[in-house]
């Protein structure tokens, strides 16, 4: 890793190791709600430890416990330099799982709701999250992305991103408005990562510590972790950051201990032997 920071859109400098808010309210979308006081404590400690990039969404929550409300309770008034990124597109179904997808006419309302709940006049970064729980590809994005581009022109959004997209959808969105970040499932999609590097776009893998249908390769990570006296989670995060200077990691947790462990990965140095083992 050559640098610990990244410039989003050329004017928002963030630490490459940030925090994802998905697990604040519950461990999973359909799991039991967590104590809100715990989420508030985790957020405050994250910022104390240097986090200045928080990734969230209005559909992150369980019952009455919602990530955006926890963020406002914990951190408002927000300190200078704290970047809050959110996502719009998915709609929560009756079980709480975001199984639906908003039509273009509903996107403005979702952005305005995020502004209201977070207590902000302008959102730093808003991703259009495309599709459902399946992988990227197969549907146009321009019409929906144009709605967000209009909100950007109105001053309600500073920068735009896309999530769960393939290279063609990324290109389609860039024809509409500048894209400063791509947030996709953690994978080895080198084509898209290369495009992000070439265009100065951040690549933000979600589930960086396993999740969904892709568990961590604990055998490979464990070998390096044992050598370095680190945990497999720390090695996984350090490996992501070493993969490209365009990568931003946003591990999430509802545990203060796990938070401290994750953020310590920023100091982990991977040598040539470690990287060779990790990349096979």
Protein backbone atom coordinates (compact mmCIF):
# COMPACT_ATOMS: atom_id res chain seq x y z
CA UNK A 1 0.00 0.00 0.00
CA UNK A 2 1.60 3.26 -1.12
CA UNK A 3 -0.84 5.66 0.51
CA UNK A 4 -3.40 5.45 3.29
CA UNK A 5 -5.77 8.02 1.79
CA UNK A 6 -7.81 8.47 -1.36
CA UNK A 7 -9.31 11.59 -2.92
CA UNK A 8 -12.98 11.05 -3.80
CA UNK A 9 -13.90 13.27 -6.71
CA UNK A 10 -10.72 15.26 -6.21
CA UNK A 11 -12.04 17.15 -3.18
CA UNK A 12 -12.90 14.65 -0.42
CA UNK A 13 -9.86 13.00 1.14
CA UNK A 14 -10.75 9.84 3.05
CA UNK A 15 -8.74 7.18 4.84
CA UNK A 16 -8.74 4.03 2.73
CA UNK A 17 -9.87 2.00 5.74
CA UNK A 18 -13.35 3.18 6.68
CA UNK A 19 -16.45 1.77 8.33
CA UNK A 20 -19.58 0.09 6.96
CA UNK A 21 -22.80 0.66 8.92
CA UNK A 22 -24.80 -2.35 7.73
CA UNK A 23 -24.19 -4.44 10.87
CA UNK A 24 -24.91 -1.70 13.40
CA UNK A 25 -28.61 -2.42 13.67
CA UNK A 26 -28.45 -6.21 13.24
CA UNK A 27 -25.96 -8.88 12.30
CA UNK A 28 -28.02 -9.71 9.21
CA UNK A 29 -31.00 -8.11 7.50
CA UNK A 30 -33.36 -10.69 9.00
CA UNK A 31 -31.56 -11.17 12.33
CA UNK A 32 -32.53 -9.75 15.73
CA UNK A 33 -32.07 -6.03 16.32
CA UNK A 34 -29.07 -4.93 18.33
CA UNK A 35 -29.08 -2.54 21.27
CA UNK A 36 -29.00 0.99 19.76
CA UNK A 37 -26.68 2.18 22.54
CA UNK A 38 -24.09 -0.31 21.34
CA UNK A 39 -24.26 1.04 17.79
CA UNK A 40 -23.83 4.59 19.04
CA UNK A 41 -20.78 3.54 21.05
CA UNK A 42 -19.22 1.76 18.07
CA UNK A 43 -19.70 4.77 15.81
CA UNK A 44 -18.20 7.22 18.28
CA UNK A 45 -15.23 4.96 18.89
CA UNK A 46 -14.70 4.49 15.15
CA UNK A 47 -14.37 8.23 14.63
CA UNK A 48 -12.10 8.51 17.69
CA UNK A 49 -9.84 5.89 16.07
CA UNK A 50 -9.57 7.90 12.87
CA UNK A 51 -12.42 6.73 10.65
CA UNK A 52 -13.52 9.55 8.34
CA UNK A 53 -15.52 7.54 5.77
CA UNK A 54 -18.76 5.87 6.85
CA UNK A 55 -20.81 3.86 4.37
CA UNK A 56 -24.51 3.52 5.11
CA UNK A 57 -27.98 3.21 3.54
CA UNK A 58 -31.54 4.03 4.47
CA UNK A 59 -32.46 0.34 4.18
CA UNK A 60 -29.86 -0.70 6.79
CA UNK A 61 -31.89 -1.54 9.85
CA UNK A 62 -34.03 -3.97 11.75
CA UNK A 63 -37.37 -2.96 13.23
CA UNK A 64 -37.04 0.42 14.92
CA UNK A 65 -33.23 0.31 14.93
CA UNK A 66 -31.88 2.06 11.84
CA UNK A 67 -28.27 2.74 10.92
CA UNK A 68 -28.83 6.31 9.73
CA UNK A 69 -30.59 7.27 12.96
CA UNK A 70 -27.72 5.78 14.96
CA UNK A 71 -25.22 7.79 12.90
CA UNK A 72 -27.03 11.05 13.57
CA UNK A 73 -27.45 10.29 17.28
CA UNK A 74 -23.80 9.33 17.66
CA UNK A 75 -22.04 11.86 15.48
CA UNK A 76 -24.16 14.96 14.80
CA UNK A 77 -23.11 17.73 14.65
CA UNK A 78 -20.62 16.11 12.30
CA UNK A 79 -16.95 16.96 12.54
CA UNK A 80 -15.23 18.55 9.54
CA UNK A 81 -13.80 16.01 7.12
CA UNK A 82 -16.20 13.19 7.98
CA UNK A 83 -17.56 11.73 4.73
CA UNK A 84 -20.88 9.87 4.84
CA UNK A 85 -21.77 7.78 1.80
CA UNK A 86 -25.22 6.31 1.32
CA UNK A 87 -27.04 4.15 -1.24
CA UNK A 88 -30.47 4.34 -2.81
CA UNK A 89 -32.34 1.91 -5.03
CA UNK A 90 -33.26 -1.14 -2.93
CA UNK A 91 -36.63 -1.23 -1.15
CA UNK A 92 -37.22 -3.23 1.99
CA UNK A 93 -39.70 -6.09 1.78
CA UNK A 94 -42.06 -7.26 4.57
CA UNK A 95 -39.30 -9.29 6.25
CA UNK A 96 -36.88 -6.37 6.27
CA UNK A 97 -34.74 -7.77 3.47
CA UNK A 98 -34.20 -5.21 0.65
CA UNK A 99 -35.84 -7.33 -2.03
CA UNK A 100 -37.49 -4.62 -4.15
CA UNK A 101 -36.05 -1.93 -6.39
CA UNK A 102 -37.12 1.70 -6.63
CA UNK A 103 -38.36 3.11 -9.92
CA UNK A 104 -36.87 6.43 -11.09
CA UNK A 105 -39.75 8.46 -9.67
CA UNK A 106 -39.05 7.18 -6.14
CA UNK A 107 -35.34 7.97 -6.00
CA UNK A 108 -35.73 11.65 -5.10
CA UNK A 109 -37.83 10.72 -2.08
CA UNK A 110 -35.22 8.21 -0.91
CA UNK A 111 -32.46 10.82 -1.15
CA UNK A 112 -34.56 13.39 0.70
CA UNK A 113 -35.29 10.82 3.41
CA UNK A 114 -31.57 10.16 3.87
CA UNK A 115 -30.94 13.89 4.16
CA UNK A 116 -33.67 14.24 6.77
CA UNK A 117 -32.71 11.25 8.91
CA UNK A 118 -28.99 11.98 8.82
CA UNK A 119 -29.60 15.66 9.49
CA UNK A 120 -27.65 16.91 6.48
CA UNK A 121 -28.19 19.60 3.86
CA UNK A 122 -26.12 17.72 1.30
CA UNK A 123 -24.99 14.10 1.00
CA UNK A 124 -21.28 13.64 0.31
CA UNK A 125 -21.67 10.53 -1.85
CA UNK A 126 -24.75 8.67 -3.06
CA UNK A 127 -24.55 5.35 -4.87
CA UNK A 128 -27.22 4.06 -7.18
CA UNK A 129 -27.46 0.45 -6.01
CA UNK A 130 -28.57 -1.60 -9.00
CA UNK A 131 -30.44 -4.91 -8.99
CA UNK A 132 -31.50 -7.16 -6.18
CA UNK A 133 -29.52 -9.82 -4.37
CA UNK A 134 -28.08 -11.25 -7.58
CA UNK A 135 -24.84 -10.21 -9.21
CA UNK A 136 -24.38 -7.22 -11.51
CA UNK A 137 -25.40 -6.84 -15.14
CA UNK A 138 -28.46 -7.24 -17.26
CA UNK A 139 -30.34 -3.97 -16.85
CA UNK A 140 -29.89 -0.34 -17.93
CA UNK A 141 -28.94 2.29 -15.34
CA UNK A 142 -29.01 5.59 -17.23
CA UNK A 143 -32.60 6.63 -16.44
CA UNK A 144 -32.23 6.10 -12.70
CA UNK A 145 -28.73 7.55 -12.58
CA UNK A 146 -29.99 10.66 -14.37
CA UNK A 147 -32.35 11.31 -11.43
CA UNK A 148 -29.38 11.34 -9.05
CA UNK A 149 -27.43 13.51 -11.47
CA UNK A 150 -30.26 16.05 -11.37
CA UNK A 151 -30.17 16.05 -7.56
CA UNK A 152 -26.43 16.62 -7.76
CA UNK A 153 -27.01 19.64 -9.98
CA UNK A 154 -29.50 20.94 -7.40
CA UNK A 155 -26.83 20.71 -4.69
CA UNK A 156 -28.42 17.91 -2.65
CA UNK A 157 -25.61 15.49 -3.53
CA UNK A 158 -21.90 16.24 -3.82
CA UNK A 159 -20.69 13.12 -5.65
CA UNK A 160 -22.22 10.05 -7.28
CA UNK A 161 -21.34 6.37 -7.32
CA UNK A 162 -22.76 3.10 -8.62
CA UNK A 163 -23.07 -0.23 -6.84
CA UNK A 164 -23.50 -3.83 -8.00
CA UNK A 165 -22.59 -3.01 -11.59
CA UNK A 166 -20.55 -4.53 -14.37
CA UNK A 167 -18.16 -2.67 -16.66
CA UNK A 168 -20.90 -1.85 -19.19
CA UNK A 169 -23.19 -0.36 -16.53
CA UNK A 170 -20.27 1.62 -15.12
CA UNK A 171 -19.62 3.07 -18.58
CA UNK A 172 -23.33 3.80 -19.07
CA UNK A 173 -23.50 5.76 -15.83
CA UNK A 174 -20.38 7.74 -16.71
CA UNK A 175 -22.09 8.91 -19.89
CA UNK A 176 -24.71 10.58 -17.67
CA UNK A 177 -22.58 12.13 -14.92
CA UNK A 178 -19.18 11.73 -13.22
CA UNK A 179 -18.83 8.56 -11.11
CA UNK A 180 -16.36 8.81 -8.22
CA UNK A 181 -16.86 5.35 -6.68
CA UNK A 182 -17.96 1.82 -7.53
CA UNK A 183 -19.20 -0.42 -4.72
CA UNK A 184 -19.39 -4.09 -5.67
CA UNK A 185 -19.30 -7.44 -3.94
CA UNK A 186 -15.75 -8.35 -2.97
CA UNK A 187 -14.44 -10.45 -5.85
CA UNK A 188 -11.62 -10.76 -8.31
CA UNK A 189 -13.22 -8.59 -10.99
CA UNK A 190 -9.93 -7.25 -12.30
CA UNK A 191 -11.51 -5.68 -15.39
CA UNK A 192 -13.65 -3.34 -13.31
CA UNK A 193 -10.86 -2.65 -10.82
CA UNK A 194 -8.56 -1.74 -13.70
CA UNK A 195 -11.19 0.62 -15.11
CA UNK A 196 -11.47 2.29 -11.72
CA UNK A 197 -7.71 2.74 -11.55
CA UNK A 198 -7.62 4.22 -15.04
CA UNK A 199 -10.43 6.70 -14.34
CA UNK A 200 -9.43 7.73 -10.81
CA UNK A 201 -12.51 6.03 -9.39
CA UNK A 202 -12.61 4.45 -5.94
CA UNK A 203 -13.35 0.73 -5.83
CA UNK A 204 -15.20 -0.15 -2.61
CA UNK A 205 -15.77 -3.89 -2.10
CA UNK A 206 -18.63 -4.81 0.20
CA UNK A 207 -18.47 -7.95 2.36
CA UNK A 208 -14.68 -7.43 2.64
CA UNK A 209 -14.58 -9.92 5.52
CA UNK A 210 -16.82 -12.51 3.94
CA UNK A 211 -20.58 -12.50 3.72
CA UNK A 212 -23.31 -13.41 1.33
CA UNK A 213 -22.23 -16.51 -0.53
CA UNK A 214 -18.47 -15.86 -0.45
CA UNK A 215 -16.73 -16.83 2.79
CA UNK A 216 -13.15 -15.85 3.50
CA UNK A 217 -10.40 -18.22 2.42
CA UNK A 218 -9.31 -18.81 6.01
CA UNK A 219 -6.69 -21.41 5.10
CA UNK A 220 -4.75 -19.04 2.85
CA UNK A 221 -5.27 -16.04 5.13
CA UNK A 222 -4.42 -18.04 8.23
CA UNK A 223 -0.97 -18.96 6.94
CA UNK A 224 -0.04 -15.30 6.55
CA UNK A 225 -1.77 -14.30 9.79
CA UNK A 226 0.26 -16.83 11.76
CA UNK A 227 3.48 -15.51 10.23
CA UNK A 228 2.64 -11.90 11.08
CA UNK A 229 0.99 -12.45 14.45
CA UNK A 230 -2.24 -11.00 13.10
CA UNK A 231 -5.83 -12.20 12.68
CA UNK A 232 -7.30 -13.52 9.46
CA UNK A 233 -9.61 -10.50 9.32
CA UNK A 234 -6.68 -8.11 9.57
CA UNK A 235 -4.82 -9.93 6.80
CA UNK A 236 -7.93 -9.91 4.61
CA UNK A 237 -8.28 -6.15 4.97
CA UNK A 238 -4.57 -5.49 4.47
CA UNK A 239 -4.66 -7.66 1.34
CA UNK A 240 -7.51 -5.61 -0.09
CA UNK A 241 -5.68 -2.35 0.53
CA UNK A 242 -2.52 -3.79 -1.03
CA UNK A 243 -4.41 -4.89 -4.16
CA UNK A 244 -4.71 -1.36 -5.55
CA UNK A 245 -4.42 2.26 -4.38
CA UNK A 246 -7.99 2.70 -5.68
CA UNK A 247 -9.45 0.23 -3.16
CA UNK A 248 -11.30 1.52 -0.10
CA UNK A 249 -12.21 -1.01 2.60
CA UNK A 250 -15.39 -0.56 4.67
CA UNK A 251 -15.57 -3.42 7.19
CA UNK A 252 -18.61 -3.27 9.43
CA UNK A 253 -19.22 -4.58 12.93
CA UNK A 254 -21.42 -4.15 15.97
CA UNK A 255 -18.57 -5.00 18.34
CA UNK A 256 -16.13 -2.53 19.91
CA UNK A 257 -13.44 -5.22 20.13
CA UNK A 258 -13.89 -6.23 16.51
CA UNK A 259 -13.83 -2.56 15.46
CA UNK A 260 -10.44 -2.06 17.09
CA UNK A 261 -9.14 -5.27 15.48
CA UNK A 262 -10.33 -4.21 12.02
CA UNK A 263 -8.86 -0.73 12.17
CA UNK A 264 -5.49 -2.09 13.33
CA UNK A 265 -5.18 -3.68 9.89
CA UNK A 266 -4.20 -0.24 8.63
CA UNK A 267 -0.79 -0.75 10.27
CA UNK A 268 -0.22 -4.26 8.95
CA UNK A 269 2.56 -4.46 6.38
CA UNK A 270 2.46 -7.34 3.91
CA UNK A 271 5.79 -8.42 2.47
CA UNK A 272 6.47 -10.05 -0.88
CA UNK A 273 6.19 -13.55 0.60
CA UNK A 274 2.86 -12.67 2.22
CA UNK A 275 1.42 -11.26 -0.99
CA UNK A 276 2.62 -14.26 -2.96
CA UNK A 277 0.88 -16.62 -0.54
CA UNK A 278 -2.31 -14.58 -0.61
CA UNK A 279 -2.44 -14.42 -4.39
CA UNK A 280 -1.49 -18.03 -4.90
